[in-house]
N, C-alpha and C. Protein backbone atom coordinates (compact mmCIF):
# COMPACT_ATOMS: atom_id res chain seq x y z
N MET A 1 -25.69 -16.69 2.56
CA MET A 1 -24.75 -16.36 3.59
C MET A 1 -23.59 -15.58 2.94
N ALA A 2 -23.09 -14.61 3.65
CA ALA A 2 -22.03 -13.82 3.10
C ALA A 2 -20.69 -14.54 3.06
N LYS A 3 -19.94 -14.28 2.04
CA LYS A 3 -18.64 -14.91 1.90
C LYS A 3 -17.64 -14.26 2.87
N ASN A 4 -16.83 -15.06 3.54
CA ASN A 4 -15.83 -14.48 4.42
C ASN A 4 -14.71 -13.85 3.58
N THR A 5 -14.43 -12.60 3.86
CA THR A 5 -13.34 -11.89 3.22
C THR A 5 -12.41 -11.28 4.23
N ASN A 6 -11.22 -11.15 3.86
CA ASN A 6 -10.23 -10.52 4.73
C ASN A 6 -10.42 -9.02 4.76
N LEU A 7 -10.62 -8.44 5.90
CA LEU A 7 -10.87 -7.00 6.02
C LEU A 7 -9.65 -6.20 5.55
N LEU A 8 -8.46 -6.74 5.81
CA LEU A 8 -7.25 -6.05 5.39
C LEU A 8 -7.18 -5.92 3.88
N LEU A 9 -7.59 -6.95 3.15
CA LEU A 9 -7.62 -6.88 1.70
C LEU A 9 -8.63 -5.85 1.23
N ASN A 10 -9.76 -5.79 1.92
CA ASN A 10 -10.79 -4.82 1.55
C ASN A 10 -10.32 -3.37 1.81
N VAL A 11 -9.63 -3.14 2.92
CA VAL A 11 -9.07 -1.84 3.21
C VAL A 11 -8.04 -1.44 2.16
N ALA A 12 -7.20 -2.36 1.81
CA ALA A 12 -6.17 -2.06 0.78
C ALA A 12 -6.81 -1.74 -0.55
N ALA A 13 -7.81 -2.53 -0.97
CA ALA A 13 -8.46 -2.27 -2.25
C ALA A 13 -9.20 -0.93 -2.26
N LEU A 14 -9.88 -0.61 -1.18
CA LEU A 14 -10.57 0.70 -1.07
C LEU A 14 -9.59 1.86 -1.05
N SER A 15 -8.47 1.67 -0.37
CA SER A 15 -7.46 2.72 -0.32
C SER A 15 -6.84 2.97 -1.73
N MET A 16 -6.57 1.88 -2.43
CA MET A 16 -6.00 2.02 -3.80
C MET A 16 -6.99 2.74 -4.69
N LYS A 17 -8.24 2.39 -4.61
CA LYS A 17 -9.27 3.00 -5.46
C LYS A 17 -9.42 4.51 -5.13
N THR A 18 -9.50 4.81 -3.87
CA THR A 18 -9.65 6.23 -3.43
C THR A 18 -8.44 7.06 -3.76
N ALA A 19 -7.26 6.53 -3.46
CA ALA A 19 -6.03 7.26 -3.71
C ALA A 19 -5.83 7.46 -5.24
N GLY A 20 -6.26 6.50 -6.03
CA GLY A 20 -6.16 6.63 -7.48
C GLY A 20 -6.95 7.78 -8.01
N ARG A 21 -8.06 8.10 -7.36
CA ARG A 21 -8.87 9.21 -7.80
C ARG A 21 -8.38 10.55 -7.30
N CYS A 22 -7.65 10.54 -6.19
CA CYS A 22 -7.26 11.78 -5.49
C CYS A 22 -5.80 12.19 -5.71
N LEU A 23 -4.96 11.26 -6.04
CA LEU A 23 -3.51 11.54 -6.09
C LEU A 23 -3.01 11.42 -7.54
N LEU A 24 -2.00 12.23 -7.85
CA LEU A 24 -1.30 12.07 -9.15
C LEU A 24 -0.46 10.79 -9.04
N PRO A 25 -0.12 10.19 -10.17
CA PRO A 25 0.68 8.97 -10.11
C PRO A 25 2.06 9.15 -9.39
N TYR A 26 2.70 10.29 -9.68
CA TYR A 26 4.04 10.52 -9.07
C TYR A 26 4.08 11.93 -8.57
N GLY A 27 4.90 12.13 -7.52
CA GLY A 27 4.98 13.42 -6.88
C GLY A 27 5.66 14.49 -7.74
N HIS A 28 6.54 14.05 -8.61
CA HIS A 28 7.30 14.98 -9.44
C HIS A 28 7.70 14.27 -10.74
N PRO A 29 7.71 15.00 -11.85
CA PRO A 29 8.09 14.32 -13.12
C PRO A 29 9.48 13.65 -13.09
N LYS A 30 10.38 14.20 -12.29
CA LYS A 30 11.73 13.63 -12.28
C LYS A 30 11.95 12.69 -11.08
N SER A 31 10.90 12.31 -10.38
CA SER A 31 11.07 11.33 -9.29
C SER A 31 11.44 10.00 -9.90
N PRO A 32 11.97 9.08 -9.08
CA PRO A 32 12.46 7.78 -9.60
C PRO A 32 11.40 6.90 -10.23
N HIS A 33 10.13 7.12 -10.01
CA HIS A 33 9.03 6.31 -10.56
C HIS A 33 9.15 4.85 -10.21
N LYS A 34 9.58 4.54 -9.00
CA LYS A 34 9.61 3.16 -8.53
C LYS A 34 8.27 2.73 -7.98
N PHE A 35 7.59 3.66 -7.28
CA PHE A 35 6.30 3.36 -6.67
C PHE A 35 5.38 4.55 -6.91
N THR A 36 4.12 4.28 -7.16
CA THR A 36 3.16 5.39 -7.37
C THR A 36 2.77 5.93 -5.99
N GLN A 37 2.24 7.10 -6.02
CA GLN A 37 1.81 7.75 -4.74
C GLN A 37 0.65 6.92 -4.13
N ARG A 38 -0.20 6.37 -4.95
CA ARG A 38 -1.32 5.57 -4.38
C ARG A 38 -0.81 4.29 -3.73
N GLN A 39 0.26 3.68 -4.25
CA GLN A 39 0.85 2.51 -3.60
C GLN A 39 1.41 2.87 -2.24
N LEU A 40 2.15 4.01 -2.20
CA LEU A 40 2.74 4.41 -0.93
C LEU A 40 1.67 4.83 0.09
N MET A 41 0.66 5.55 -0.40
CA MET A 41 -0.45 5.95 0.46
C MET A 41 -1.16 4.75 1.03
N THR A 42 -1.37 3.73 0.23
CA THR A 42 -2.01 2.50 0.71
C THR A 42 -1.18 1.82 1.78
N CYS A 43 0.15 1.81 1.61
CA CYS A 43 1.03 1.28 2.64
C CYS A 43 0.83 2.01 3.97
N LEU A 44 0.71 3.35 3.89
CA LEU A 44 0.49 4.14 5.10
C LEU A 44 -0.87 3.90 5.72
N VAL A 45 -1.91 3.68 4.88
CA VAL A 45 -3.23 3.37 5.39
C VAL A 45 -3.17 2.02 6.10
N LEU A 46 -2.51 1.04 5.49
CA LEU A 46 -2.38 -0.30 6.14
C LEU A 46 -1.63 -0.18 7.45
N ARG A 47 -0.59 0.68 7.51
CA ARG A 47 0.15 0.87 8.74
C ARG A 47 -0.77 1.41 9.82
N ALA A 48 -1.60 2.39 9.49
CA ALA A 48 -2.53 2.97 10.48
C ALA A 48 -3.60 1.95 10.85
N TYR A 49 -4.09 1.22 9.88
CA TYR A 49 -5.16 0.23 10.19
C TYR A 49 -4.68 -0.89 11.09
N THR A 50 -3.45 -1.36 10.84
CA THR A 50 -2.92 -2.48 11.64
C THR A 50 -2.23 -2.01 12.92
N LYS A 51 -2.07 -0.69 13.05
CA LYS A 51 -1.41 -0.09 14.23
C LYS A 51 -0.04 -0.73 14.44
N THR A 52 0.75 -0.74 13.34
CA THR A 52 2.10 -1.33 13.39
C THR A 52 3.11 -0.26 13.00
N THR A 53 4.37 -0.65 12.94
CA THR A 53 5.45 0.26 12.57
C THR A 53 5.64 0.23 11.06
N TYR A 54 6.52 1.11 10.62
CA TYR A 54 6.86 1.11 9.16
C TYR A 54 7.46 -0.21 8.75
N ARG A 55 8.36 -0.72 9.58
CA ARG A 55 8.95 -2.03 9.29
C ARG A 55 7.90 -3.16 9.33
N GLY A 56 6.97 -2.99 10.27
CA GLY A 56 5.94 -4.01 10.40
C GLY A 56 5.04 -4.11 9.16
N VAL A 57 4.69 -2.97 8.59
CA VAL A 57 3.85 -3.02 7.41
C VAL A 57 4.59 -3.60 6.20
N ILE A 58 5.87 -3.33 6.10
CA ILE A 58 6.68 -3.96 5.05
C ILE A 58 6.79 -5.47 5.23
N GLU A 59 6.95 -5.90 6.50
CA GLU A 59 6.97 -7.34 6.77
C GLU A 59 5.60 -8.01 6.40
N LEU A 60 4.53 -7.30 6.69
CA LEU A 60 3.19 -7.77 6.36
C LEU A 60 3.08 -7.96 4.83
N LEU A 61 3.56 -6.96 4.07
CA LEU A 61 3.51 -7.05 2.62
C LEU A 61 4.39 -8.17 2.12
N GLU A 62 5.56 -8.38 2.73
CA GLU A 62 6.43 -9.50 2.34
C GLU A 62 5.73 -10.83 2.50
N ALA A 63 4.92 -10.95 3.56
CA ALA A 63 4.27 -12.23 3.86
C ALA A 63 3.00 -12.44 3.06
N SER A 64 2.39 -11.43 2.51
CA SER A 64 1.12 -11.54 1.85
C SER A 64 1.21 -11.27 0.32
N GLY A 65 1.12 -12.30 -0.45
CA GLY A 65 1.10 -12.14 -1.90
C GLY A 65 -0.15 -11.47 -2.39
N GLN A 66 -1.24 -11.72 -1.68
CA GLN A 66 -2.53 -11.11 -2.06
C GLN A 66 -2.50 -9.58 -1.89
N LEU A 67 -1.89 -9.13 -0.80
CA LEU A 67 -1.78 -7.69 -0.62
C LEU A 67 -0.88 -7.07 -1.67
N ARG A 68 0.22 -7.73 -1.99
CA ARG A 68 1.10 -7.21 -3.03
C ARG A 68 0.40 -7.13 -4.37
N ARG A 69 -0.46 -8.15 -4.69
CA ARG A 69 -1.22 -8.09 -5.93
C ARG A 69 -2.18 -6.92 -5.95
N ILE A 70 -2.87 -6.69 -4.88
CA ILE A 70 -3.78 -5.56 -4.77
C ILE A 70 -3.06 -4.24 -4.96
N LEU A 71 -1.87 -4.13 -4.37
CA LEU A 71 -1.07 -2.95 -4.51
C LEU A 71 -0.27 -2.85 -5.83
N CYS A 72 -0.31 -3.92 -6.63
CA CYS A 72 0.45 -3.99 -7.89
C CYS A 72 1.91 -3.77 -7.67
N MET A 73 2.45 -4.39 -6.63
CA MET A 73 3.86 -4.24 -6.29
C MET A 73 4.64 -5.53 -6.54
N GLU A 74 5.61 -5.45 -7.44
CA GLU A 74 6.50 -6.56 -7.62
C GLU A 74 7.64 -6.52 -6.65
N ARG A 75 8.06 -5.34 -6.31
CA ARG A 75 9.09 -5.14 -5.25
C ARG A 75 8.53 -4.24 -4.19
N LEU A 76 9.14 -4.30 -3.02
CA LEU A 76 8.62 -3.53 -1.90
C LEU A 76 9.51 -2.36 -1.60
N PRO A 77 8.96 -1.25 -1.13
CA PRO A 77 9.80 -0.13 -0.71
C PRO A 77 10.55 -0.44 0.58
N HIS A 78 11.66 0.23 0.75
CA HIS A 78 12.35 0.17 2.06
C HIS A 78 11.45 0.89 3.07
N TYR A 79 11.52 0.47 4.30
CA TYR A 79 10.62 1.07 5.27
C TYR A 79 10.86 2.58 5.40
N SER A 80 12.08 3.05 5.17
CA SER A 80 12.36 4.50 5.28
C SER A 80 11.69 5.26 4.17
N THR A 81 11.35 4.62 3.04
CA THR A 81 10.61 5.34 1.97
C THR A 81 9.27 5.77 2.46
N LEU A 82 8.67 5.01 3.31
CA LEU A 82 7.33 5.36 3.84
C LEU A 82 7.41 6.54 4.82
N LYS A 83 8.55 6.72 5.45
CA LYS A 83 8.70 7.79 6.40
C LYS A 83 8.84 9.16 5.76
N LYS A 84 9.29 9.19 4.54
CA LYS A 84 9.63 10.43 3.85
C LYS A 84 8.38 11.18 3.41
């Protein structure tokens, strides 16, 4: 019998893997280097998947330690960072 897994965790892991192959780590050499592009892209994928707001996806990440581990995030971006 198949093990029950959280689809949201699977989406996040797949997004991180795919974005890691397609995106450079940072948008510009002089950018602040707080978050990688694949971390931010995965936040946007989660936003679209859950059909929530920018604030909503940040609240989801605040509540889920497993998602933060998959995204390798010790701190979370401000919701306005995702809008830019």
